Amino acid sequence: MVSFMKAYEAQTYALMRITTGFMFFCHGAVKFMNMPDDRPMHIQWIAGPIELIGGALVMIGFMTSPAAFICAGMGAAAYWIGHFSAENYLPIMNRGDAAALYTFVFLYIAAKGTGIWGVSKD
């Protein structure tokens, strides 16, 4: 197997962490800052701050592992509460693919830590 990206593993991981944190931060901004959203208010007021603050922490690389672990739990809860049903159990069918993907990406970030280009080292 050709491993031409092996030399850039640390940079690629940092870009994934920063981009994932930024996208999660944007999801939180939509919910927390009362931008047009069709979700119930209790979901916006619980998920919004977790996505906004957790996404920012992961993005800048500060307290990355605990923040990513909480974000992973939020992604899992979003999938099981908001998307999963007995009729539509596959993520592509119930539109929960983003929540499922966030869950496992954040679990990986929680396990690996900040890496390079972060404010603190885990």
N, C-alpha and C. Protein backbone atom coordinates (compact mmCIF):
# COMPACT_ATOMS: atom_id res chain seq x y z
N MET A 1 0.84 -1.18 0.00
CA MET A 1 0.00 0.00 0.00
C MET A 1 0.88 1.24 0.00
N VAL A 2 0.58 2.15 -0.85
CA VAL A 2 1.34 3.39 -0.94
C VAL A 2 0.90 4.31 0.19
N SER A 3 1.86 4.81 0.94
CA SER A 3 1.53 5.67 2.07
C SER A 3 2.17 7.05 1.88
N PHE A 4 1.82 7.71 0.79
CA PHE A 4 2.41 9.00 0.49
C PHE A 4 1.97 10.08 1.47
N MET A 5 0.90 9.89 2.20
CA MET A 5 0.41 10.89 3.15
C MET A 5 0.97 10.67 4.55
N LYS A 6 1.71 9.61 4.78
CA LYS A 6 2.23 9.30 6.11
C LYS A 6 3.06 10.45 6.69
N ALA A 7 3.79 11.13 5.85
CA ALA A 7 4.62 12.25 6.32
C ALA A 7 3.77 13.43 6.79
N TYR A 8 2.51 13.47 6.39
CA TYR A 8 1.63 14.58 6.73
C TYR A 8 0.51 14.18 7.69
N GLU A 9 0.73 13.09 8.40
CA GLU A 9 -0.31 12.57 9.31
C GLU A 9 -0.72 13.59 10.37
N ALA A 10 0.24 14.23 11.00
CA ALA A 10 -0.07 15.19 12.06
C ALA A 10 -0.83 16.40 11.52
N GLN A 11 -0.43 16.89 10.36
CA GLN A 11 -1.10 18.04 9.76
C GLN A 11 -2.52 17.69 9.31
N THR A 12 -2.66 16.49 8.73
CA THR A 12 -3.98 16.05 8.28
C THR A 12 -4.93 15.89 9.46
N TYR A 13 -4.43 15.31 10.56
CA TYR A 13 -5.27 15.18 11.76
C TYR A 13 -5.66 16.55 12.29
N ALA A 14 -4.71 17.49 12.35
CA ALA A 14 -5.01 18.83 12.84
C ALA A 14 -6.08 19.50 11.97
N LEU A 15 -5.98 19.35 10.66
CA LEU A 15 -6.99 19.93 9.77
C LEU A 15 -8.36 19.29 9.99
N MET A 16 -8.38 17.97 10.22
CA MET A 16 -9.65 17.30 10.50
C MET A 16 -10.26 17.82 11.80
N ARG A 17 -9.42 17.95 12.85
CA ARG A 17 -9.89 18.45 14.14
C ARG A 17 -10.42 19.87 14.03
N ILE A 18 -9.70 20.74 13.36
CA ILE A 18 -10.10 22.13 13.21
C ILE A 18 -11.38 22.25 12.39
N THR A 19 -11.46 21.53 11.28
CA THR A 19 -12.64 21.60 10.42
C THR A 19 -13.86 21.02 11.10
N THR A 20 -13.71 19.90 11.78
CA THR A 20 -14.84 19.28 12.49
C THR A 20 -15.33 20.20 13.59
N GLY A 21 -14.41 20.76 14.36
CA GLY A 21 -14.80 21.70 15.41
C GLY A 21 -15.52 22.91 14.86
N PHE A 22 -15.03 23.45 13.75
CA PHE A 22 -15.67 24.62 13.14
C PHE A 22 -17.08 24.30 12.65
N MET A 23 -17.25 23.15 12.01
CA MET A 23 -18.59 22.78 11.52
C MET A 23 -19.56 22.56 12.68
N PHE A 24 -19.08 21.94 13.76
CA PHE A 24 -19.93 21.74 14.93
C PHE A 24 -20.27 23.08 15.57
N PHE A 25 -19.29 23.98 15.63
CA PHE A 25 -19.50 25.34 16.12
C PHE A 25 -20.61 26.03 15.31
N CYS A 26 -20.60 25.87 14.00
CA CYS A 26 -21.63 26.48 13.15
C CYS A 26 -23.01 25.92 13.44
N HIS A 27 -23.10 24.61 13.68
CA HIS A 27 -24.38 24.00 14.06
C HIS A 27 -24.88 24.63 15.36
N GLY A 28 -23.99 24.84 16.31
CA GLY A 28 -24.36 25.47 17.57
C GLY A 28 -24.78 26.90 17.41
N ALA A 29 -24.12 27.63 16.51
CA ALA A 29 -24.48 29.03 16.28
C ALA A 29 -25.92 29.14 15.76
N VAL A 30 -26.28 28.23 14.88
CA VAL A 30 -27.65 28.24 14.35
C VAL A 30 -28.67 28.01 15.46
N LYS A 31 -28.39 27.06 16.34
CA LYS A 31 -29.34 26.74 17.41
C LYS A 31 -29.32 27.76 18.54
N PHE A 32 -28.13 28.13 18.97
CA PHE A 32 -27.99 28.94 20.18
C PHE A 32 -28.30 30.42 19.95
N MET A 33 -28.07 30.90 18.78
CA MET A 33 -28.25 32.32 18.51
C MET A 33 -29.59 32.63 17.85
N ASN A 34 -30.54 31.71 18.01
CA ASN A 34 -31.92 31.88 17.53
C ASN A 34 -32.01 32.22 16.05
N MET A 35 -31.12 31.65 15.26
CA MET A 35 -31.27 31.77 13.82
C MET A 35 -32.40 30.84 13.42
N PRO A 36 -33.01 31.06 12.28
CA PRO A 36 -34.16 30.23 11.91
C PRO A 36 -33.84 28.74 11.98
N ASP A 37 -34.60 28.05 12.80
CA ASP A 37 -34.41 26.61 12.99
C ASP A 37 -35.76 26.04 13.38
N ASP A 38 -36.08 24.86 12.88
CA ASP A 38 -37.39 24.27 13.14
C ASP A 38 -37.38 23.25 14.26
N ARG A 39 -36.33 23.20 15.06
CA ARG A 39 -36.26 22.25 16.16
C ARG A 39 -36.93 22.83 17.41
N PRO A 40 -37.40 21.95 18.32
CA PRO A 40 -37.98 22.45 19.57
C PRO A 40 -36.97 23.25 20.40
N MET A 41 -37.46 24.21 21.17
CA MET A 41 -36.58 25.09 21.93
C MET A 41 -35.71 24.34 22.94
N HIS A 42 -36.25 23.30 23.58
CA HIS A 42 -35.42 22.59 24.57
C HIS A 42 -34.22 21.92 23.92
N ILE A 43 -34.36 21.47 22.69
CA ILE A 43 -33.22 20.89 21.98
C ILE A 43 -32.22 21.99 21.63
N GLN A 44 -32.72 23.14 21.21
CA GLN A 44 -31.82 24.24 20.88
C GLN A 44 -31.04 24.71 22.09
N TRP A 45 -31.66 24.74 23.25
CA TRP A 45 -30.99 25.26 24.45
C TRP A 45 -30.09 24.23 25.12
N ILE A 46 -30.22 22.96 24.79
CA ILE A 46 -29.30 21.95 25.31
C ILE A 46 -28.20 21.69 24.29
N ALA A 47 -28.57 21.41 23.07
CA ALA A 47 -27.59 21.08 22.04
C ALA A 47 -26.80 22.30 21.59
N GLY A 48 -27.42 23.44 21.52
CA GLY A 48 -26.77 24.65 21.05
C GLY A 48 -25.49 25.00 21.80
N PRO A 49 -25.55 25.13 23.12
CA PRO A 49 -24.32 25.46 23.84
C PRO A 49 -23.25 24.38 23.76
N ILE A 50 -23.65 23.10 23.75
CA ILE A 50 -22.66 22.03 23.63
C ILE A 50 -21.97 22.13 22.28
N GLU A 51 -22.74 22.34 21.23
CA GLU A 51 -22.15 22.44 19.89
C GLU A 51 -21.31 23.71 19.75
N LEU A 52 -21.80 24.82 20.26
CA LEU A 52 -21.09 26.09 20.14
C LEU A 52 -19.79 26.08 20.92
N ILE A 53 -19.85 25.76 22.20
CA ILE A 53 -18.66 25.79 23.06
C ILE A 53 -17.76 24.60 22.77
N GLY A 54 -18.34 23.41 22.67
CA GLY A 54 -17.53 22.22 22.39
C GLY A 54 -16.84 22.31 21.04
N GLY A 55 -17.56 22.78 20.03
CA GLY A 55 -16.95 22.94 18.71
C GLY A 55 -15.81 23.94 18.73
N ALA A 56 -15.99 25.04 19.46
CA ALA A 56 -14.92 26.04 19.56
C ALA A 56 -13.70 25.48 20.27
N LEU A 57 -13.93 24.75 21.36
CA LEU A 57 -12.80 24.17 22.10
C LEU A 57 -12.03 23.16 21.26
N VAL A 58 -12.74 22.31 20.55
CA VAL A 58 -12.07 21.33 19.69
C VAL A 58 -11.34 22.05 18.56
N MET A 59 -11.96 23.06 17.99
CA MET A 59 -11.37 23.78 16.88
C MET A 59 -10.05 24.45 17.27
N ILE A 60 -10.02 25.11 18.43
CA ILE A 60 -8.79 25.80 18.82
C ILE A 60 -7.81 24.87 19.54
N GLY A 61 -8.26 23.70 19.92
CA GLY A 61 -7.38 22.72 20.56
C GLY A 61 -7.13 22.99 22.02
N PHE A 62 -8.16 23.39 22.74
CA PHE A 62 -8.06 23.64 24.17
C PHE A 62 -9.01 22.69 24.89
N MET A 63 -8.50 21.91 25.84
CA MET A 63 -9.29 20.88 26.54
C MET A 63 -9.98 19.98 25.50
N THR A 64 -9.22 19.57 24.52
CA THR A 64 -9.76 18.88 23.36
C THR A 64 -10.40 17.55 23.70
N SER A 65 -9.72 16.70 24.46
CA SER A 65 -10.26 15.37 24.74
C SER A 65 -11.58 15.40 25.50
N PRO A 66 -11.70 16.15 26.62
CA PRO A 66 -13.00 16.17 27.29
C PRO A 66 -14.09 16.85 26.46
N ALA A 67 -13.74 17.91 25.75
CA ALA A 67 -14.74 18.59 24.92
C ALA A 67 -15.22 17.67 23.80
N ALA A 68 -14.29 16.96 23.15
CA ALA A 68 -14.66 16.05 22.07
C ALA A 68 -15.50 14.89 22.59
N PHE A 69 -15.20 14.42 23.79
CA PHE A 69 -15.99 13.32 24.37
C PHE A 69 -17.43 13.77 24.62
N ILE A 70 -17.62 14.98 25.13
CA ILE A 70 -18.97 15.51 25.35
C ILE A 70 -19.67 15.72 24.02
N CYS A 71 -18.96 16.22 23.02
CA CYS A 71 -19.56 16.40 21.69
C CYS A 71 -19.95 15.06 21.08
N ALA A 72 -19.14 14.03 21.31
CA ALA A 72 -19.49 12.69 20.80
C ALA A 72 -20.77 12.19 21.45
N GLY A 73 -20.90 12.40 22.75
CA GLY A 73 -22.13 12.02 23.43
C GLY A 73 -23.34 12.77 22.93
N MET A 74 -23.14 14.05 22.62
CA MET A 74 -24.23 14.85 22.07
C MET A 74 -24.62 14.35 20.69
N GLY A 75 -23.63 13.97 19.88
CA GLY A 75 -23.93 13.41 18.56
C GLY A 75 -24.69 12.10 18.66
N ALA A 76 -24.30 11.24 19.61
CA ALA A 76 -25.00 9.97 19.80
C ALA A 76 -26.43 10.21 20.27
N ALA A 77 -26.60 11.14 21.21
CA ALA A 77 -27.95 11.46 21.69
C ALA A 77 -28.80 12.03 20.56
N ALA A 78 -28.21 12.88 19.74
CA ALA A 78 -28.95 13.43 18.60
C ALA A 78 -29.42 12.33 17.66
N TYR A 79 -28.55 11.36 17.43
CA TYR A 79 -28.94 10.27 16.54
C TYR A 79 -30.07 9.44 17.15
N TRP A 80 -29.89 8.99 18.39
CA TRP A 80 -30.87 8.09 19.00
C TRP A 80 -32.18 8.79 19.34
N ILE A 81 -32.13 10.04 19.73
CA ILE A 81 -33.36 10.76 20.10
C ILE A 81 -34.05 11.38 18.88
N GLY A 82 -33.25 11.96 18.00
CA GLY A 82 -33.85 12.73 16.91
C GLY A 82 -33.99 12.02 15.59
N HIS A 83 -33.25 10.95 15.37
CA HIS A 83 -33.25 10.35 14.05
C HIS A 83 -33.68 8.89 14.02
N PHE A 84 -33.25 8.09 14.97
CA PHE A 84 -33.50 6.65 14.93
C PHE A 84 -34.98 6.34 15.11
N SER A 85 -35.45 5.41 14.31
CA SER A 85 -36.79 4.84 14.49
C SER A 85 -36.75 3.41 13.99
N ALA A 86 -37.71 2.62 14.41
CA ALA A 86 -37.75 1.21 14.03
C ALA A 86 -37.95 1.06 12.52
N GLU A 87 -38.67 1.99 11.90
CA GLU A 87 -38.90 1.92 10.46
C GLU A 87 -37.70 2.40 9.67
N ASN A 88 -37.04 3.44 10.17
CA ASN A 88 -35.89 4.03 9.48
C ASN A 88 -34.67 3.95 10.40
N TYR A 89 -34.07 2.80 10.47
CA TYR A 89 -32.96 2.60 11.39
C TYR A 89 -31.60 2.88 10.76
N LEU A 90 -31.52 2.96 9.45
CA LEU A 90 -30.26 3.25 8.79
C LEU A 90 -30.05 4.76 8.73
N PRO A 91 -28.85 5.23 9.03
CA PRO A 91 -28.60 6.68 9.06
C PRO A 91 -28.94 7.39 7.75
N ILE A 92 -28.73 6.76 6.63
CA ILE A 92 -29.03 7.42 5.35
C ILE A 92 -30.53 7.57 5.15
N MET A 93 -31.31 6.66 5.75
CA MET A 93 -32.77 6.71 5.62
C MET A 93 -33.40 7.73 6.57
N ASN A 94 -32.82 7.89 7.76
CA ASN A 94 -33.44 8.77 8.75
C ASN A 94 -32.74 10.12 8.87
N ARG A 95 -31.83 10.40 7.94
CA ARG A 95 -31.08 11.66 7.89
C ARG A 95 -30.24 11.89 9.14
N GLY A 96 -29.78 10.80 9.75
CA GLY A 96 -28.93 10.90 10.92
C GLY A 96 -27.48 10.63 10.62
N ASP A 97 -27.13 10.65 9.34
CA ASP A 97 -25.75 10.34 8.97
C ASP A 97 -24.75 11.35 9.52
N ALA A 98 -25.09 12.62 9.57
CA ALA A 98 -24.17 13.62 10.13
C ALA A 98 -23.99 13.39 11.63
N ALA A 99 -25.07 13.10 12.34
CA ALA A 99 -24.97 12.87 13.78
C ALA A 99 -24.12 11.63 14.07
N ALA A 100 -24.31 10.57 13.29
CA ALA A 100 -23.52 9.35 13.49
C ALA A 100 -22.04 9.61 13.17
N LEU A 101 -21.79 10.32 12.09
CA LEU A 101 -20.41 10.62 11.73
C LEU A 101 -19.74 11.51 12.77
N TYR A 102 -20.42 12.55 13.23
CA TYR A 102 -19.87 13.41 14.29
C TYR A 102 -19.53 12.59 15.53
N THR A 103 -20.39 11.65 15.88
CA THR A 103 -20.16 10.83 17.07
C THR A 103 -18.81 10.14 16.99
N PHE A 104 -18.54 9.47 15.89
CA PHE A 104 -17.32 8.68 15.80
C PHE A 104 -16.08 9.52 15.51
N VAL A 105 -16.23 10.62 14.80
CA VAL A 105 -15.09 11.51 14.60
C VAL A 105 -14.69 12.14 15.92
N PHE A 106 -15.67 12.59 16.70
CA PHE A 106 -15.36 13.17 18.01
C PHE A 106 -14.80 12.13 18.98
N LEU A 107 -15.25 10.89 18.90
CA LEU A 107 -14.65 9.84 19.73
C LEU A 107 -13.18 9.65 19.38
N TYR A 108 -12.87 9.69 18.11
CA TYR A 108 -11.47 9.56 17.70
C TYR A 108 -10.65 10.75 18.19
N ILE A 109 -11.19 11.95 18.07
CA ILE A 109 -10.49 13.14 18.55
C ILE A 109 -10.30 13.06 20.06
N ALA A 110 -11.31 12.58 20.78
CA ALA A 110 -11.19 12.45 22.24
C ALA A 110 -10.08 11.48 22.60
N ALA A 111 -9.93 10.42 21.84
CA ALA A 111 -8.89 9.43 22.12
C ALA A 111 -7.50 9.92 21.74
N LYS A 112 -7.39 10.65 20.65
CA LYS A 112 -6.09 11.08 20.14
C LYS A 112 -5.60 12.36 20.80
N GLY A 113 -6.50 13.25 21.20
CA GLY A 113 -6.08 14.49 21.84
C GLY A 113 -5.89 15.63 20.85
N THR A 114 -5.22 16.66 21.28
CA THR A 114 -5.10 17.88 20.48
C THR A 114 -4.22 17.70 19.26
N GLY A 115 -3.06 17.14 19.41
CA GLY A 115 -2.13 17.06 18.30
C GLY A 115 -1.43 18.40 18.11
N ILE A 116 -1.03 18.68 16.87
CA ILE A 116 -0.36 19.95 16.59
C ILE A 116 -1.39 21.03 16.31
N TRP A 117 -0.95 22.25 16.28
CA TRP A 117 -1.75 23.43 15.97
C TRP A 117 -2.89 23.63 16.96
N GLY A 118 -2.67 23.36 18.22
CA GLY A 118 -3.68 23.57 19.25
C GLY A 118 -3.13 24.46 20.35
N VAL A 119 -4.03 25.05 21.11
CA VAL A 119 -3.64 25.93 22.21
C VAL A 119 -2.94 25.15 23.31
N SER A 120 -3.45 23.98 23.64
CA SER A 120 -2.84 23.17 24.70
C SER A 120 -2.57 21.76 24.18
N LYS A 121 -1.71 21.07 24.86
CA LYS A 121 -1.42 19.68 24.52
C LYS A 121 -2.08 18.78 25.54
N ASP A 122 -2.83 17.78 25.07
CA ASP A 122 -3.49 16.83 25.98
C ASP A 122 -2.50 15.78 26.40
